[in-house]
N, C-alpha and C. Protein backbone atom coordinates (compact mmCIF):
# COMPACT_ATOMS: atom_id res chain seq x y z
N MET A 1 3.05 -47.42 18.17
CA MET A 1 1.43 -47.02 18.19
C MET A 1 1.08 -47.06 16.23
N LEU A 2 -0.05 -47.36 16.12
CA LEU A 2 -0.45 -47.18 14.87
C LEU A 2 -1.36 -45.88 14.76
N PRO A 3 -1.16 -45.47 13.19
CA PRO A 3 -1.61 -44.35 12.96
C PRO A 3 -3.04 -44.36 13.02
N ILE A 4 -3.84 -43.23 13.42
CA ILE A 4 -5.32 -43.32 13.21
C ILE A 4 -6.05 -43.10 11.31
N LEU A 5 -6.94 -43.92 11.85
CA LEU A 5 -7.47 -44.01 10.27
C LEU A 5 -8.63 -43.05 10.27
N ILE A 6 -8.58 -42.46 8.83
CA ILE A 6 -9.91 -41.32 9.02
C ILE A 6 -10.68 -42.44 7.61
N LEU A 7 -11.79 -42.13 7.52
CA LEU A 7 -12.97 -42.58 6.45
C LEU A 7 -13.04 -41.61 5.85
N ARG A 8 -13.09 -41.41 4.47
CA ARG A 8 -13.36 -40.35 3.73
C ARG A 8 -13.66 -41.09 2.55
N GLY A 9 -15.15 -41.25 2.47
CA GLY A 9 -16.04 -41.88 1.34
C GLY A 9 -15.69 -43.45 1.41
N GLU A 10 -15.16 -44.34 0.62
CA GLU A 10 -14.28 -45.42 0.62
C GLU A 10 -12.89 -45.46 1.09
N THR A 11 -12.44 -44.46 0.59
CA THR A 11 -10.38 -44.51 0.53
C THR A 11 -10.70 -44.31 2.41
N MET A 12 -9.52 -45.28 3.20
CA MET A 12 -9.14 -45.22 4.26
C MET A 12 -7.67 -44.02 4.24
N VAL A 13 -7.81 -43.04 4.92
CA VAL A 13 -6.56 -41.90 4.76
C VAL A 13 -5.85 -41.95 6.42
N THR A 14 -4.98 -42.07 6.62
CA THR A 14 -3.95 -41.89 7.53
C THR A 14 -3.60 -40.85 7.77
N ARG A 15 -3.14 -40.39 9.07
CA ARG A 15 -2.84 -39.11 9.84
C ARG A 15 -1.64 -38.26 8.57
N ARG A 16 -1.10 -39.87 8.66
CA ARG A 16 0.30 -38.67 7.51
C ARG A 16 -0.28 -38.21 6.71
N MET A 17 -0.86 -38.90 5.70
CA MET A 17 -1.10 -38.66 4.52
C MET A 17 -2.65 -37.13 4.29
N ALA A 18 -3.23 -37.12 5.51
CA ALA A 18 -3.92 -36.47 5.91
C ALA A 18 -3.17 -34.91 5.69
N LEU A 19 -2.22 -34.86 6.91
CA LEU A 19 -0.88 -33.81 7.08
C LEU A 19 -0.16 -33.67 5.73
N ALA A 20 0.00 -34.70 4.92
CA ALA A 20 1.07 -34.04 4.18
C ALA A 20 -0.23 -33.27 2.72
N GLY A 21 -1.60 -33.82 2.47
CA GLY A 21 -2.38 -33.13 2.11
C GLY A 21 -2.40 -31.53 2.41
N ALA A 22 -2.52 -31.35 3.56
CA ALA A 22 -3.00 -30.16 3.79
C ALA A 22 -1.77 -29.40 3.80
N LEU A 23 -0.07 -29.96 3.92
CA LEU A 23 0.47 -29.29 3.74
C LEU A 23 0.98 -28.64 2.39
N GLU A 24 0.45 -29.68 1.43
CA GLU A 24 0.10 -29.83 -0.17
C GLU A 24 -1.03 -28.43 -0.73
N LEU A 25 -1.99 -28.21 0.56
CA LEU A 25 -2.97 -26.99 -0.23
C LEU A 25 -2.31 -25.98 0.49
N MET A 26 -1.38 -26.18 1.94
CA MET A 26 -0.77 -24.83 2.34
C MET A 26 0.38 -24.37 1.09
N MET A 27 0.96 -24.98 0.78
CA MET A 27 2.07 -24.41 0.11
C MET A 27 1.51 -23.87 -1.74
N SER A 28 0.27 -24.51 -2.27
CA SER A 28 0.09 -24.51 -3.56
C SER A 28 -0.51 -23.06 -3.33
N LEU A 29 -1.63 -22.41 -1.90
CA LEU A 29 -1.94 -21.17 -1.67
C LEU A 29 -0.98 -20.27 -1.48
N CYS A 30 0.31 -20.58 -0.41
CA CYS A 30 1.49 -19.48 -0.56
C CYS A 30 1.72 -19.13 -1.89
N LEU A 31 2.45 -20.37 -3.10
CA LEU A 31 2.78 -20.14 -3.95
C LEU A 31 2.08 -19.30 -4.61
N ALA A 32 0.95 -19.10 -5.13
CA ALA A 32 -0.21 -18.50 -6.06
C ALA A 32 -0.46 -16.97 -4.82
N VAL A 33 -0.39 -16.62 -3.47
CA VAL A 33 0.10 -15.24 -3.08
C VAL A 33 1.48 -14.93 -3.60
N GLN A 34 2.55 -15.48 -3.75
CA GLN A 34 3.83 -15.70 -3.99
C GLN A 34 3.85 -14.92 -5.40
N ALA A 35 3.07 -15.62 -6.20
CA ALA A 35 2.95 -15.29 -7.65
C ALA A 35 2.71 -14.01 -7.87
N ALA A 36 1.29 -13.61 -7.40
CA ALA A 36 0.66 -12.35 -7.47
C ALA A 36 1.35 -11.38 -7.06
N ALA A 37 2.54 -11.75 -5.81
CA ALA A 37 3.37 -10.46 -5.52
C ALA A 37 4.28 -10.28 -6.48
N ALA A 38 4.61 -11.27 -7.30
CA ALA A 38 6.05 -11.47 -8.20
C ALA A 38 6.11 -11.10 -9.65
N ASP A 39 4.25 -10.63 -9.89
CA ASP A 39 3.67 -9.84 -10.94
C ASP A 39 4.88 -8.88 -11.47
N VAL A 40 5.58 -8.10 -10.07
CA VAL A 40 6.41 -6.98 -10.42
C VAL A 40 7.71 -7.05 -11.49
N ASN A 41 7.94 -6.47 -12.28
CA ASN A 41 9.04 -6.64 -13.57
C ASN A 41 9.86 -5.43 -12.56
N MET A 42 10.89 -5.62 -12.14
CA MET A 42 11.92 -4.46 -11.85
C MET A 42 12.65 -3.98 -12.70
N ASP A 43 12.63 -4.26 -14.15
CA ASP A 43 13.52 -3.44 -14.90
C ASP A 43 12.32 -2.47 -15.19
N ASP A 44 10.90 -2.57 -15.19
CA ASP A 44 9.89 -1.60 -15.33
C ASP A 44 10.10 -0.62 -14.46
N VAL A 45 10.23 -1.19 -12.93
CA VAL A 45 10.27 -0.10 -11.84
C VAL A 45 11.50 0.95 -11.78
N ARG A 46 12.70 0.06 -12.16
CA ARG A 46 13.90 0.89 -12.39
C ARG A 46 13.69 2.00 -13.89
N ARG A 47 13.16 1.51 -14.82
CA ARG A 47 12.83 2.34 -15.73
C ARG A 47 11.93 4.03 -15.08
N LEU A 48 10.55 3.05 -14.81
CA LEU A 48 9.65 4.33 -14.29
C LEU A 48 10.45 4.95 -13.05
N ALA A 49 10.97 4.66 -12.14
CA ALA A 49 11.89 5.86 -11.29
C ALA A 49 12.73 6.89 -11.83
N ARG A 50 12.94 6.63 -12.93
CA ARG A 50 13.94 7.74 -13.52
C ARG A 50 13.17 8.99 -13.93
N GLU A 51 12.07 8.63 -14.32
CA GLU A 51 11.09 9.79 -14.46
C GLU A 51 10.60 10.78 -13.27
N PRO A 52 10.08 11.89 -13.83
CA PRO A 52 9.38 12.67 -12.61
C PRO A 52 8.13 11.83 -11.99
N VAL A 53 7.95 12.18 -11.04
CA VAL A 53 6.69 11.65 -10.30
C VAL A 53 5.39 11.76 -10.95
N GLU A 54 5.41 13.05 -11.61
CA GLU A 54 3.74 13.09 -12.29
C GLU A 54 4.09 12.11 -13.60
N THR A 55 4.77 11.70 -14.17
CA THR A 55 4.76 10.86 -15.16
C THR A 55 4.37 9.32 -14.56
N ILE A 56 5.05 8.87 -13.55
CA ILE A 56 4.73 7.68 -13.02
C ILE A 56 3.59 7.52 -12.38
N LEU A 57 2.77 8.51 -11.94
CA LEU A 57 1.77 8.39 -11.50
C LEU A 57 0.62 8.30 -12.77
N SER A 58 1.18 9.07 -13.87
CA SER A 58 -0.23 9.07 -14.71
C SER A 58 -0.46 7.48 -15.58
N GLY A 59 -1.81 7.94 -15.67
CA GLY A 59 -2.06 6.45 -16.14
C GLY A 59 -2.91 5.19 -15.44
N ALA A 60 -2.41 5.66 -13.88
CA ALA A 60 -2.46 4.49 -12.76
C ALA A 60 -4.01 5.44 -11.82
N PRO A 61 -4.53 4.56 -11.39
CA PRO A 61 -5.43 4.97 -10.68
C PRO A 61 -5.27 5.77 -9.30
N ILE A 62 -4.98 7.08 -9.66
CA ILE A 62 -3.99 7.58 -8.60
C ILE A 62 -4.81 9.38 -8.76
N GLY A 63 -5.40 9.69 -7.91
CA GLY A 63 -6.13 11.03 -8.08
C GLY A 63 -5.43 11.87 -7.84
N ARG A 64 -5.52 13.19 -7.58
CA ARG A 64 -4.43 14.14 -6.73
C ARG A 64 -5.63 14.92 -5.85
N VAL A 65 -4.97 15.60 -5.08
CA VAL A 65 -5.74 16.23 -3.76
C VAL A 65 -4.55 17.08 -3.84
N SER A 66 -5.45 18.36 -3.12
CA SER A 66 -4.51 19.61 -2.37
C SER A 66 -5.15 20.01 -1.24
N ASP A 67 -4.74 21.06 -0.96
CA ASP A 67 -5.38 21.65 0.09
C ASP A 67 -6.70 22.01 0.41
N ALA A 68 -7.25 22.63 -0.95
CA ALA A 68 -8.59 23.10 -1.21
C ALA A 68 -9.61 21.92 -0.99
N ASP A 69 -9.04 20.88 -1.02
CA ASP A 69 -10.16 19.44 -1.00
C ASP A 69 -9.79 18.51 -0.35
N TYR A 70 -8.61 18.71 0.36
CA TYR A 70 -7.94 17.37 1.29
C TYR A 70 -8.88 16.87 1.90
N TRP A 71 -9.42 17.77 3.34
CA TRP A 71 -10.34 16.56 4.04
C TRP A 71 -11.51 16.36 3.53
N LYS A 72 -12.16 17.28 2.45
CA LYS A 72 -13.64 16.77 2.25
C LYS A 72 -13.11 15.51 1.25
N THR A 73 -11.61 15.20 0.29
CA THR A 73 -11.47 13.82 0.02
C THR A 73 -11.63 13.03 0.69
N VAL A 74 -10.52 12.98 1.94
CA VAL A 74 -10.34 11.93 2.86
C VAL A 74 -11.51 11.27 3.73
N ARG A 75 -12.45 12.89 4.15
CA ARG A 75 -13.27 11.88 5.11
C ARG A 75 -14.67 11.43 4.10
N GLY A 76 -14.70 12.47 2.88
CA GLY A 76 -15.93 11.82 2.30
C GLY A 76 -15.84 10.47 1.49
N SER A 77 -14.51 9.71 1.64
CA SER A 77 -14.53 8.64 0.87
C SER A 77 -15.20 7.37 1.46
N PRO A 78 -15.62 6.72 0.93
CA PRO A 78 -16.24 5.54 1.57
C PRO A 78 -15.44 4.03 1.60
N LYS A 79 -13.59 4.31 1.17
CA LYS A 79 -12.70 3.54 1.36
C LYS A 79 -11.75 3.99 2.04
N PRO A 80 -11.01 3.29 2.66
CA PRO A 80 -9.94 3.80 2.78
C PRO A 80 -8.70 4.59 1.94
N VAL A 81 -7.79 5.73 2.32
CA VAL A 81 -7.51 6.24 1.65
C VAL A 81 -6.17 6.31 2.02
N VAL A 82 -5.17 6.83 1.11
CA VAL A 82 -3.88 6.58 1.00
C VAL A 82 -3.40 7.72 0.39
N VAL A 83 -2.56 8.79 0.77
CA VAL A 83 -2.31 10.10 0.42
C VAL A 83 -0.47 10.12 0.54
N VAL A 84 -0.15 10.07 -1.00
CA VAL A 84 1.57 10.14 -1.10
C VAL A 84 1.14 11.63 -1.19
N PHE A 85 2.57 12.18 -0.54
CA PHE A 85 2.99 13.68 -0.33
C PHE A 85 4.62 13.51 -1.15
N TYR A 86 4.61 13.85 -2.34
CA TYR A 86 5.61 14.36 -3.01
C TYR A 86 6.61 15.33 -3.58
N ALA A 87 7.80 15.29 -4.07
CA ALA A 87 7.97 16.60 -4.77
C ALA A 87 8.69 15.37 -6.08
N ASN A 88 8.16 16.79 -7.12
CA ASN A 88 7.88 15.96 -8.58
C ASN A 88 9.18 15.23 -8.81
N GLN A 89 10.59 16.03 -9.01
CA GLN A 89 11.73 15.65 -9.25
C GLN A 89 12.54 14.86 -8.34
N ASP A 90 12.01 14.72 -7.09
CA ASP A 90 13.14 14.33 -6.09
C ASP A 90 13.31 12.56 -5.96
N GLN A 91 14.34 12.22 -6.24
CA GLN A 91 14.63 10.97 -6.16
C GLN A 91 13.53 9.93 -5.28
N ARG A 92 13.79 10.19 -3.71
CA ARG A 92 13.00 9.31 -3.10
C ARG A 92 11.60 9.03 -3.73
N SER A 93 11.12 10.65 -4.24
CA SER A 93 9.65 10.63 -4.08
C SER A 93 9.29 9.86 -5.41
N ARG A 94 10.26 9.64 -6.65
CA ARG A 94 10.22 8.87 -7.66
C ARG A 94 9.87 7.45 -6.98
N HIS A 95 10.91 6.89 -6.16
CA HIS A 95 10.66 5.56 -5.84
C HIS A 95 9.52 5.23 -5.19
N LEU A 96 9.31 6.28 -3.96
CA LEU A 96 8.02 5.74 -3.61
C LEU A 96 6.45 6.00 -5.06
N ALA A 97 6.70 6.81 -5.68
CA ALA A 97 5.63 6.92 -6.65
C ALA A 97 5.44 5.72 -7.44
N THR A 98 6.44 4.84 -7.37
CA THR A 98 6.53 3.31 -8.34
C THR A 98 5.86 2.74 -7.24
N LEU A 99 6.23 2.38 -6.23
CA LEU A 99 5.82 1.57 -5.05
C LEU A 99 3.76 1.90 -5.25
N ALA A 100 3.49 3.49 -5.08
CA ALA A 100 2.32 3.65 -5.32
C ALA A 100 1.65 3.11 -6.47
N ARG A 101 1.77 3.19 -7.53
CA ARG A 101 1.68 3.07 -9.02
C ARG A 101 1.04 1.66 -8.72
N TYR A 102 2.04 0.65 -8.38
CA TYR A 102 1.81 -0.65 -7.97
C TYR A 102 0.70 -1.16 -7.22
N LEU A 103 0.57 -0.78 -6.01
CA LEU A 103 -0.31 -0.85 -4.91
C LEU A 103 -1.64 -0.06 -5.26
N ALA A 104 -1.40 0.82 -6.08
CA ALA A 104 -2.88 1.45 -6.84
C ALA A 104 -3.75 0.89 -7.83
N PHE A 105 -2.30 0.26 -8.81
CA PHE A 105 -3.31 -0.56 -9.42
C PHE A 105 -4.31 -2.32 -8.93
N GLU A 106 -3.57 -2.35 -7.46
CA GLU A 106 -3.27 -4.11 -7.19
C GLU A 106 -4.68 -3.72 -6.18
N PHE A 107 -5.08 -2.84 -5.55
CA PHE A 107 -5.88 -2.22 -4.69
C PHE A 107 -7.18 -1.57 -4.98
N SER A 108 -6.94 -0.83 -6.23
CA SER A 108 -7.76 0.14 -6.49
C SER A 108 -9.41 0.18 -6.28
N GLU A 109 -9.53 -1.35 -6.30
CA GLU A 109 -11.38 -1.51 -6.01
C GLU A 109 -11.55 -1.42 -4.28
N ALA A 110 -10.45 -1.50 -3.48
CA ALA A 110 -10.59 -1.54 -1.93
C ALA A 110 -10.14 -0.50 -1.60
N VAL A 111 -8.80 0.28 -1.80
CA VAL A 111 -8.66 1.59 -1.29
C VAL A 111 -8.10 2.67 -2.28
N VAL A 112 -8.42 3.39 -2.02
CA VAL A 112 -8.35 5.43 -2.93
C VAL A 112 -6.94 5.56 -2.73
N PHE A 113 -6.23 5.89 -3.91
CA PHE A 113 -5.14 6.37 -3.10
C PHE A 113 -4.65 7.91 -4.35
N TYR A 114 -4.48 8.84 -3.29
CA TYR A 114 -4.20 10.11 -4.08
C TYR A 114 -2.40 10.63 -3.75
N GLY A 115 -2.29 11.35 -5.00
CA GLY A 115 -0.98 12.09 -4.96
C GLY A 115 -0.88 13.49 -4.43
N TYR A 116 -0.38 14.47 -3.79
CA TYR A 116 0.05 15.36 -3.12
C TYR A 116 0.84 15.83 -3.57
N PRO A 117 0.73 16.67 -4.92
CA PRO A 117 2.35 17.52 -5.02
C PRO A 117 2.59 18.61 -4.48
N VAL A 118 3.68 18.42 -3.71
CA VAL A 118 4.16 19.47 -2.86
C VAL A 118 4.99 20.76 -3.75
N THR A 119 6.11 19.98 -4.53
CA THR A 119 6.40 21.08 -5.09
C THR A 119 6.67 20.67 -6.90
N ALA A 120 6.91 21.35 -7.49
CA ALA A 120 7.28 20.81 -8.83
C ALA A 120 8.82 20.44 -9.11
N GLY A 121 9.97 20.99 -7.80
CA GLY A 121 10.88 20.69 -8.41
C GLY A 121 11.55 19.51 -7.19
N ALA A 122 12.69 19.33 -6.63
CA ALA A 122 13.33 18.45 -5.89
C ALA A 122 13.47 18.50 -4.50
N THR A 123 13.54 19.91 -4.47
CA THR A 123 13.38 20.18 -2.94
C THR A 123 12.45 21.26 -2.09
N ILE A 124 12.07 21.15 -0.95
CA ILE A 124 10.82 21.84 -0.82
C ILE A 124 11.52 22.63 0.17
N GLU A 125 10.43 24.11 0.21
CA GLU A 125 10.89 25.16 1.01
C GLU A 125 10.61 25.53 2.09
N HIS A 126 11.28 25.37 3.32
CA HIS A 126 10.90 25.44 4.91
C HIS A 126 9.56 25.82 5.12
N ASN A 127 8.75 26.86 4.75
CA ASN A 127 7.81 27.32 4.91
C ASN A 127 6.42 26.45 4.23
N ALA A 128 6.98 25.52 3.29
CA ALA A 128 5.82 24.81 2.82
C ALA A 128 5.73 23.18 3.67
N LEU A 129 7.08 23.12 4.27
CA LEU A 129 7.03 22.10 5.24
C LEU A 129 6.55 22.24 6.25
N ALA A 130 6.77 23.44 6.64
CA ALA A 130 6.01 24.17 8.41
C ALA A 130 4.54 24.18 7.82
N ALA A 131 4.12 24.47 6.99
CA ALA A 131 2.37 24.51 6.44
C ALA A 131 2.16 22.92 6.63
N LEU A 132 2.66 21.95 6.18
CA LEU A 132 2.39 20.92 5.75
C LEU A 132 2.21 19.68 7.07
N GLN A 133 3.04 20.47 8.05
CA GLN A 133 3.48 19.99 9.57
C GLN A 133 2.21 20.46 10.10
N LYS A 134 1.81 21.58 9.98
CA LYS A 134 1.08 22.17 10.87
C LYS A 134 -0.61 21.57 10.07
N ARG A 135 -1.03 21.28 8.74
CA ARG A 135 -2.20 21.19 8.51
C ARG A 135 -2.36 19.51 8.51
N TYR A 136 -1.30 18.61 8.22
CA TYR A 136 -1.55 17.18 8.01
C TYR A 136 -0.45 16.66 8.91
N GLY A 137 0.06 17.06 9.90
CA GLY A 137 1.26 16.31 10.12
C GLY A 137 2.64 16.01 9.42
N VAL A 138 2.68 16.03 8.51
CA VAL A 138 3.88 15.70 7.74
C VAL A 138 4.86 16.71 8.23
N LYS A 139 6.08 15.86 8.58
CA LYS A 139 7.24 16.28 8.87
C LYS A 139 8.54 16.65 7.40
N LYS A 140 8.42 15.63 6.61
CA LYS A 140 8.97 15.79 6.17
C LYS A 140 8.69 14.69 4.41
N VAL A 141 9.09 15.11 3.42
CA VAL A 141 8.37 14.77 1.94
C VAL A 141 9.68 13.71 1.34
N PRO A 142 9.63 12.72 0.90
CA PRO A 142 7.72 12.03 0.90
C PRO A 142 7.24 11.44 2.01
N ALA A 143 5.96 11.27 2.09
CA ALA A 143 5.13 10.74 3.00
C ALA A 143 4.21 10.30 2.34
N THR A 144 3.93 8.81 3.18
CA THR A 144 2.61 8.34 2.81
C THR A 144 1.87 8.35 4.32
N LEU A 145 0.53 9.09 4.02
CA LEU A 145 -0.16 8.44 5.32
C LEU A 145 -1.60 8.14 4.74
N PHE A 146 -1.63 6.66 5.72
CA PHE A 146 -3.28 5.93 4.97
C PHE A 146 -4.42 6.32 6.19
N TYR A 147 -5.37 6.18 5.69
CA TYR A 147 -6.53 6.80 6.49
C TYR A 147 -7.15 5.17 6.62
N ASP A 148 -7.31 4.87 7.76
CA ASP A 148 -8.19 3.64 7.57
C ASP A 148 -10.16 3.99 7.85
N ASN A 149 -10.86 4.10 7.07
CA ASN A 149 -12.23 4.51 7.38
C ASN A 149 -13.16 3.71 7.46
N ASP A 150 -12.44 2.21 7.72
CA ASP A 150 -12.96 1.08 8.14
C ASP A 150 -14.73 0.87 6.94
N ARG A 151 -14.04 1.45 5.81
CA ARG A 151 -15.23 1.56 5.07
C ARG A 151 -16.61 1.62 4.85
N GLY A 152 -16.37 2.98 5.69
CA GLY A 152 -17.74 3.81 5.67
C GLY A 152 -18.40 3.30 7.19
N LYS A 153 -17.62 2.23 7.67
CA LYS A 153 -18.07 2.28 9.36
C LYS A 153 -17.50 3.01 10.49
N MET A 154 -18.09 4.01 11.01
CA MET A 154 -17.47 4.79 12.01
C MET A 154 -16.98 4.37 13.16
N GLU A 155 -15.72 4.47 13.63
CA GLU A 155 -15.38 4.03 15.23
C GLU A 155 -15.78 5.16 15.63
N LEU A 156 -16.08 5.22 17.14
CA LEU A 156 -16.24 6.23 18.18
C LEU A 156 -14.96 6.65 18.37
N GLU A 157 -13.45 6.34 18.68
CA GLU A 157 -12.05 6.92 18.61
C GLU A 157 -11.81 7.57 17.20
N ARG A 158 -12.64 7.38 16.22
CA ARG A 158 -12.00 7.87 15.40
C ARG A 158 -13.23 8.59 14.29
N THR A 159 -14.08 9.80 14.95
CA THR A 159 -15.15 9.97 14.27
C THR A 159 -15.23 11.45 12.87
N ASP A 160 -13.70 11.50 13.11
CA ASP A 160 -13.45 12.73 12.14
C ASP A 160 -12.38 12.35 11.30
N TYR A 161 -11.55 11.26 11.51
CA TYR A 161 -10.73 10.89 10.68
C TYR A 161 -9.42 11.87 10.29
N SER A 162 -9.37 12.91 11.52
CA SER A 162 -8.24 14.16 10.94
C SER A 162 -6.95 13.11 10.91
N VAL A 163 -6.71 12.04 12.01
CA VAL A 163 -5.65 11.58 12.36
C VAL A 163 -5.40 10.38 11.28
N PRO A 164 -4.10 9.97 10.72
CA PRO A 164 -4.05 8.95 9.79
C PRO A 164 -3.77 7.67 10.73
N ALA A 165 -4.65 6.93 10.12
CA ALA A 165 -3.84 5.33 11.08
C ALA A 165 -2.02 5.05 11.07
N LEU A 166 -1.76 5.47 9.78
CA LEU A 166 -0.35 5.39 9.67
C LEU A 166 0.12 6.22 9.01
N LEU A 167 1.21 6.83 9.29
CA LEU A 167 2.40 8.07 9.13
C LEU A 167 3.58 7.47 8.39
N GLU A 168 4.09 7.30 7.03
CA GLU A 168 5.19 6.73 6.61
C GLU A 168 6.08 7.47 5.65
N TYR A 169 7.62 7.59 6.49
CA TYR A 169 8.56 8.15 5.91
C TYR A 169 8.96 7.77 4.84
N ARG A 170 9.72 6.32 5.45
CA ARG A 170 10.39 5.47 4.83
C ARG A 170 10.17 5.17 3.08
N THR A 171 11.09 5.08 2.19
CA THR A 171 10.94 5.22 0.81
C THR A 171 11.45 4.25 0.26
N PRO A 172 11.29 3.64 -0.26
CA PRO A 172 12.44 1.91 -0.76
C PRO A 172 13.36 2.54 -1.94
N SER A 173 14.24 2.07 -1.34
CA SER A 173 15.56 1.89 -2.18
C SER A 173 15.14 0.97 -3.42
N LEU A 174 15.98 1.34 -4.90
CA LEU A 174 15.53 0.08 -5.49
C LEU A 174 16.35 -1.38 -5.21
N LEU A 175 17.07 -1.28 -4.42
CA LEU A 175 17.54 -3.05 -4.13
C LEU A 175 16.77 -3.53 -3.14
N PHE A 176 15.89 -2.99 -2.04
CA PHE A 176 14.82 -3.34 -1.53
C PHE A 176 13.58 -2.88 -1.74
N TRP A 177 13.10 -2.83 -3.00
CA TRP A 177 11.88 -2.60 -3.61
C TRP A 177 10.98 -3.49 -3.42
N SER A 178 11.29 -4.91 -3.86
CA SER A 178 10.58 -5.98 -3.37
C SER A 178 9.71 -6.06 -2.32
N THR A 179 11.63 -6.37 -1.57
CA THR A 179 10.60 -6.20 -0.15
C THR A 179 9.81 -5.17 0.66
N TYR A 180 9.83 -4.11 0.29
CA TYR A 180 9.12 -2.89 0.87
C TYR A 180 7.32 -3.00 0.26
N HIS A 181 7.73 -3.60 -0.94
CA HIS A 181 6.25 -3.88 -1.97
C HIS A 181 5.67 -4.53 -1.26
N ARG A 182 6.54 -6.26 -0.71
CA ARG A 182 5.91 -6.95 -0.04
C ARG A 182 5.18 -6.35 0.76
N THR A 183 6.00 -6.03 2.24
CA THR A 183 5.58 -5.52 3.31
C THR A 183 4.55 -4.80 3.37
N ILE A 184 4.26 -3.67 2.51
CA ILE A 184 3.15 -2.62 2.26
C ILE A 184 2.26 -3.64 1.84
N ARG A 185 2.37 -4.39 0.99
CA ARG A 185 1.04 -5.08 0.54
C ARG A 185 0.46 -5.83 1.48
N GLU A 186 1.02 -6.28 2.67
CA GLU A 186 0.70 -7.18 3.66
C GLU A 186 -0.03 -6.17 4.17
N TYR A 187 0.62 -4.84 4.67
CA TYR A 187 0.28 -4.26 5.77
C TYR A 187 -1.25 -3.86 5.37
N ILE A 188 -1.39 -3.72 4.08
CA ILE A 188 -2.53 -2.96 3.24
C ILE A 188 -3.51 -4.27 3.55
N GLN A 189 -3.36 -5.58 3.28
CA GLN A 189 -4.42 -6.49 3.42
C GLN A 189 -4.33 -6.88 5.06
N THR A 190 -4.01 -6.35 5.66
CA THR A 190 -4.30 -6.93 7.19
C THR A 190 -4.29 -5.89 8.26
N ASN A 191 -3.91 -4.81 7.94
CA ASN A 191 -4.50 -3.86 8.32
C ASN A 191 -5.70 -2.71 7.96
N ILE A 192 -5.51 -2.37 6.61
CA ILE A 192 -6.70 -1.43 6.15
C ILE A 192 -7.67 -2.23 5.68
N LEU A 193 -7.70 -3.12 4.97
CA LEU A 193 -8.80 -3.82 4.70
C LEU A 193 -9.14 -5.13 5.51
N ASP A 194 -8.78 -4.68 6.60
CA ASP A 194 -9.46 -5.67 7.96
C ASP A 194 -11.09 -5.99 7.96
């Protein structure tokens, strides 16, 4: 069977040439996306993860939120909101804070990031955790809540955004930090920035 020829201007292109060109374009796009994700220097991540959460978040486009302004801040945002609940000295909180820092720098134009300091130490009192569960549904710390408010367009089934679109308790170990970073980036791009 002879390949079908497609006329493009003055040049004749075979189906194989067209497929090769499409594959080349697709590969270059994939490499560009991968290069954007590969901007993370794991030495910096490891260095940051040894610091208290407040130090990790300083200088990043991450605001602070407390009980006093939580619902006003979340419901009043014209953008999707990510809230990170953390204990300042907790190792898992520090790993999550490094992830939030990188994501906040990347998505700050489209998503608003907030940190909710639960305690200045590493352990959370039982009463404080019970209060967080009652107010926000948070069962353990660290936790990440994703509120997708559809960039200001209200959905009928979610008129007050009191329930997060995703509640995440997993925290990245430094061994799998890059994989977790890539997964959360993809989640934000496909589910939050829809």
